[in-house]
C-alpha atoms as a PDB file:
ATOM      1  CA  MET A   1      10.194  20.366  15.633  1.00  0.00           C
ATOM      2  CA  ALA A   2       6.572  21.313  16.358  1.00  0.00           C
ATOM      3  CA  GLU A   3       5.108  17.879  16.964  1.00  0.00           C
ATOM      4  CA  HIS A   4       1.556  17.568  18.307  1.00  0.00           C
ATOM      5  CA  ARG A   5      -0.482  14.578  19.440  1.00  0.00           C
ATOM      6  CA  VAL A   6      -3.707  14.700  17.428  1.00  0.00           C
ATOM      7  CA  GLY A   7      -5.480  11.471  18.351  1.00  0.00           C
ATOM      8  CA  THR A   8      -5.243   7.710  18.519  1.00  0.00           C
ATOM      9  CA  CYS A   9      -4.925   5.058  15.842  1.00  0.00           C
ATOM     10  CA  ALA A  10      -8.304   3.628  16.910  1.00  0.00           C
ATOM     11  CA  GLN A  11     -10.007   6.864  15.802  1.00  0.00           C
ATOM     12  CA  ILE A  12      -9.202   6.260  12.124  1.00  0.00           C
ATOM     13  CA  PRO A  13     -10.226   2.915  10.579  1.00  0.00           C
ATOM     14  CA  PRO A  14      -8.080   1.611   7.684  1.00  0.00           C
ATOM     15  CA  GLY A  15      -8.983   3.288   4.405  1.00  0.00           C
ATOM     16  CA  GLU A  16     -10.434   6.398   6.049  1.00  0.00           C
ATOM     17  CA  GLY A  17      -9.477   9.890   7.140  1.00  0.00           C
ATOM     18  CA  ARG A  18     -10.458  12.182  10.000  1.00  0.00           C
ATOM     19  CA  SER A  19     -10.252  15.924  10.553  1.00  0.00           C
ATOM     20  CA  PHE A  20      -8.309  17.418  13.449  1.00  0.00           C
ATOM     21  CA  ILE A  21      -7.557  20.969  14.556  1.00  0.00           C
ATOM     22  CA  VAL A  22      -4.229  21.863  16.157  1.00  0.00           C
ATOM     23  CA  GLY A  23      -4.195  25.493  17.216  1.00  0.00           C
ATOM     24  CA  ARG A  24      -5.277  27.308  14.061  1.00  0.00           C
ATOM     25  CA  THR A  25      -4.216  24.527  11.700  1.00  0.00           C
ATOM     26  CA  GLU A  26      -6.866  22.218  10.260  1.00  0.00           C
ATOM     27  CA  LEU A  27      -5.570  18.785   9.288  1.00  0.00           C
ATOM     28  CA  ALA A  28      -6.790  15.695   7.506  1.00  0.00           C
ATOM     29  CA  VAL A  29      -5.164  12.532   8.885  1.00  0.00           C
ATOM     30  CA  PHE A  30      -5.437   9.285   6.929  1.00  0.00           C
ATOM     31  CA  HIS A  31      -4.921   5.618   7.758  1.00  0.00           C
ATOM     32  CA  THR A  32      -4.375   3.685   4.541  1.00  0.00           C
ATOM     33  CA  ARG A  33      -5.493   0.088   4.056  1.00  0.00           C
ATOM     34  CA  GLU A  34      -1.792  -0.777   3.832  1.00  0.00           C
ATOM     35  CA  GLY A  35      -1.338   0.495   7.400  1.00  0.00           C
ATOM     36  CA  GLY A  36       0.348   3.854   6.767  1.00  0.00           C
ATOM     37  CA  TYR A  37      -0.620   7.138   8.391  1.00  0.00           C
ATOM     38  CA  PHE A  38      -0.457  10.460   6.557  1.00  0.00           C
ATOM     39  CA  ALA A  39      -1.412  14.060   7.347  1.00  0.00           C
ATOM     40  CA  THR A  40      -2.324  16.819   4.907  1.00  0.00           C
ATOM     41  CA  GLN A  41      -4.025  20.178   4.878  1.00  0.00           C
ATOM     42  CA  ALA A  42      -7.742  19.790   5.554  1.00  0.00           C
ATOM     43  CA  LEU A  43      -9.194  21.426   2.440  1.00  0.00           C
ATOM     44  CA  CYS A  44      -8.688  20.772  -1.255  1.00  0.00           C
ATOM     45  CA  PRO A  45      -7.124  23.774  -3.024  1.00  0.00           C
ATOM     46  CA  HIS A  46      -9.581  23.447  -5.913  1.00  0.00           C
ATOM     47  CA  ARG A  47     -12.879  24.249  -4.177  1.00  0.00           C
ATOM     48  CA  ALA A  48     -12.209  23.629  -0.471  1.00  0.00           C
ATOM     49  CA  GLY A  49     -13.566  20.087  -0.414  1.00  0.00           C
ATOM     50  CA  PRO A  50     -13.002  18.296   2.928  1.00  0.00           C
ATOM     51  CA  LEU A  51     -10.124  15.944   2.122  1.00  0.00           C
ATOM     52  CA  ALA A  52     -10.711  13.756   5.205  1.00  0.00           C
ATOM     53  CA  ASP A  53     -14.013  12.717   3.584  1.00  0.00           C
ATOM     54  CA  GLY A  54     -12.240  11.676   0.386  1.00  0.00           C
ATOM     55  CA  LEU A  55     -11.440   8.173  -0.789  1.00  0.00           C
ATOM     56  CA  THR A  56      -7.981   6.806  -0.001  1.00  0.00           C
ATOM     57  CA  ASP A  57      -6.211   4.067  -1.933  1.00  0.00           C
ATOM     58  CA  SER A  58      -2.571   3.073  -2.355  1.00  0.00           C
ATOM     59  CA  GLY A  59      -1.153   6.324  -0.982  1.00  0.00           C
ATOM     60  CA  THR A  60      -3.584   8.739  -2.605  1.00  0.00           C
ATOM     61  CA  VAL A  61      -6.641  10.731  -1.584  1.00  0.00           C
ATOM     62  CA  VAL A  62      -9.468  11.738  -3.935  1.00  0.00           C
ATOM     63  CA  CYS A  63     -11.294  14.973  -3.080  1.00  0.00           C
ATOM     64  CA  PRO A  64     -14.977  14.168  -2.485  1.00  0.00           C
ATOM     65  CA  LEU A  65     -16.220  17.228  -4.412  1.00  0.00           C
ATOM     66  CA  HIS A  66     -14.548  17.170  -7.818  1.00  0.00           C
ATOM     67  CA  ASP A  67     -12.346  14.056  -7.914  1.00  0.00           C
ATOM     68  CA  ARG A  68      -8.964  15.796  -7.703  1.00  0.00           C
ATOM     69  CA  VAL A  69      -6.339  13.175  -6.748  1.00  0.00           C
ATOM     70  CA  PHE A  70      -3.303  13.871  -4.546  1.00  0.00           C
ATOM     71  CA  SER A  71      -0.335  11.844  -3.297  1.00  0.00           C
ATOM     72  CA  LEU A  72      -0.513  11.466   0.480  1.00  0.00           C
ATOM     73  CA  SER A  73       3.274  11.294   0.785  1.00  0.00           C
ATOM     74  CA  THR A  74       4.273  14.258  -1.413  1.00  0.00           C
ATOM     75  CA  GLY A  75       1.088  16.312  -1.770  1.00  0.00           C
ATOM     76  CA  SER A  76       1.530  16.432  -5.543  1.00  0.00           C
ATOM     77  CA  GLY A  77      -1.546  16.420  -7.723  1.00  0.00           C
ATOM     78  CA  ILE A  78      -2.026  13.319  -9.857  1.00  0.00           C
ATOM     79  CA  GLY A  79      -3.566  14.241 -13.183  1.00  0.00           C
ATOM     80  CA  ASN A  80      -3.885  17.866 -12.088  1.00  0.00           C
ATOM     81  CA  ASP A  81      -1.469  20.731 -11.452  1.00  0.00           C
ATOM     82  CA  LEU A  82      -2.568  21.443  -7.869  1.00  0.00           C
ATOM     83  CA  SER A  83      -0.774  20.345  -4.709  1.00  0.00           C
ATOM     84  CA  ILE A  84      -1.530  20.061  -1.000  1.00  0.00           C
ATOM     85  CA  GLN A  85       0.571  20.583   2.116  1.00  0.00           C
ATOM     86  CA  THR A  86       1.711  17.368   3.804  1.00  0.00           C
ATOM     87  CA  TYR A  87       3.066  16.879   7.323  1.00  0.00           C
ATOM     88  CA  PRO A  88       5.277  14.176   8.872  1.00  0.00           C
ATOM     89  CA  VAL A  89       3.411  11.643  11.028  1.00  0.00           C
ATOM     90  CA  ARG A  90       4.768   9.455  13.818  1.00  0.00           C
ATOM     91  CA  ILE A  91       2.945   6.685  15.694  1.00  0.00           C
ATOM     92  CA  ASP A  92       3.921   5.982  19.303  1.00  0.00           C
ATOM     93  CA  ASN A  93       1.950   3.745  21.679  1.00  0.00           C
ATOM     94  CA  GLU A  94      -1.123   3.979  19.402  1.00  0.00           C
ATOM     95  CA  HIS A  95      -1.025   7.799  19.483  1.00  0.00           C
ATOM     96  CA  ILE A  96      -0.748   9.839  16.287  1.00  0.00           C
ATOM     97  CA  TYR A  97       1.733  12.708  16.274  1.00  0.00           C
ATOM     98  CA  VAL A  98       1.935  15.279  13.471  1.00  0.00           C
ATOM     99  CA  ASP A  99       4.896  17.623  12.987  1.00  0.00           C
ATOM    100  CA  LEU A 100       3.680  21.103  12.093  1.00  0.00           C
ATOM    101  CA  ALA A 101       7.154  22.668  11.841  1.00  0.00           C
ATOM    102  CA  GLY A 102       6.969  25.825   9.798  1.00  0.00           C
ATOM    103  CA  GLU A 103       3.278  26.438  10.513  1.00  0.00           C
ATOM    104  CA  ALA A 104       2.217  29.739  12.012  1.00  0.00           C
END
């Protein structure tokens, strides 16, 4: 396991995302309105839109540049054939931990 503390829950209001850098890995971490936390790669594979700036709703994120939609839990594209990398998230004492196992 390559788990890293990236920030606190207070840094990400419900329904928003924030960008974090862990080593050489750029992440987008989201806090859904339903209370879940998710982490994905930082940039959309279509045209490198900043996913943390995208809209989140019911477990999805919409890229702010060209409206590509992705599942936050699986990374699968919804209505498109692209996908994004997702990472396991754990919350402990209001701290956000992301597992980057397999990352270089």
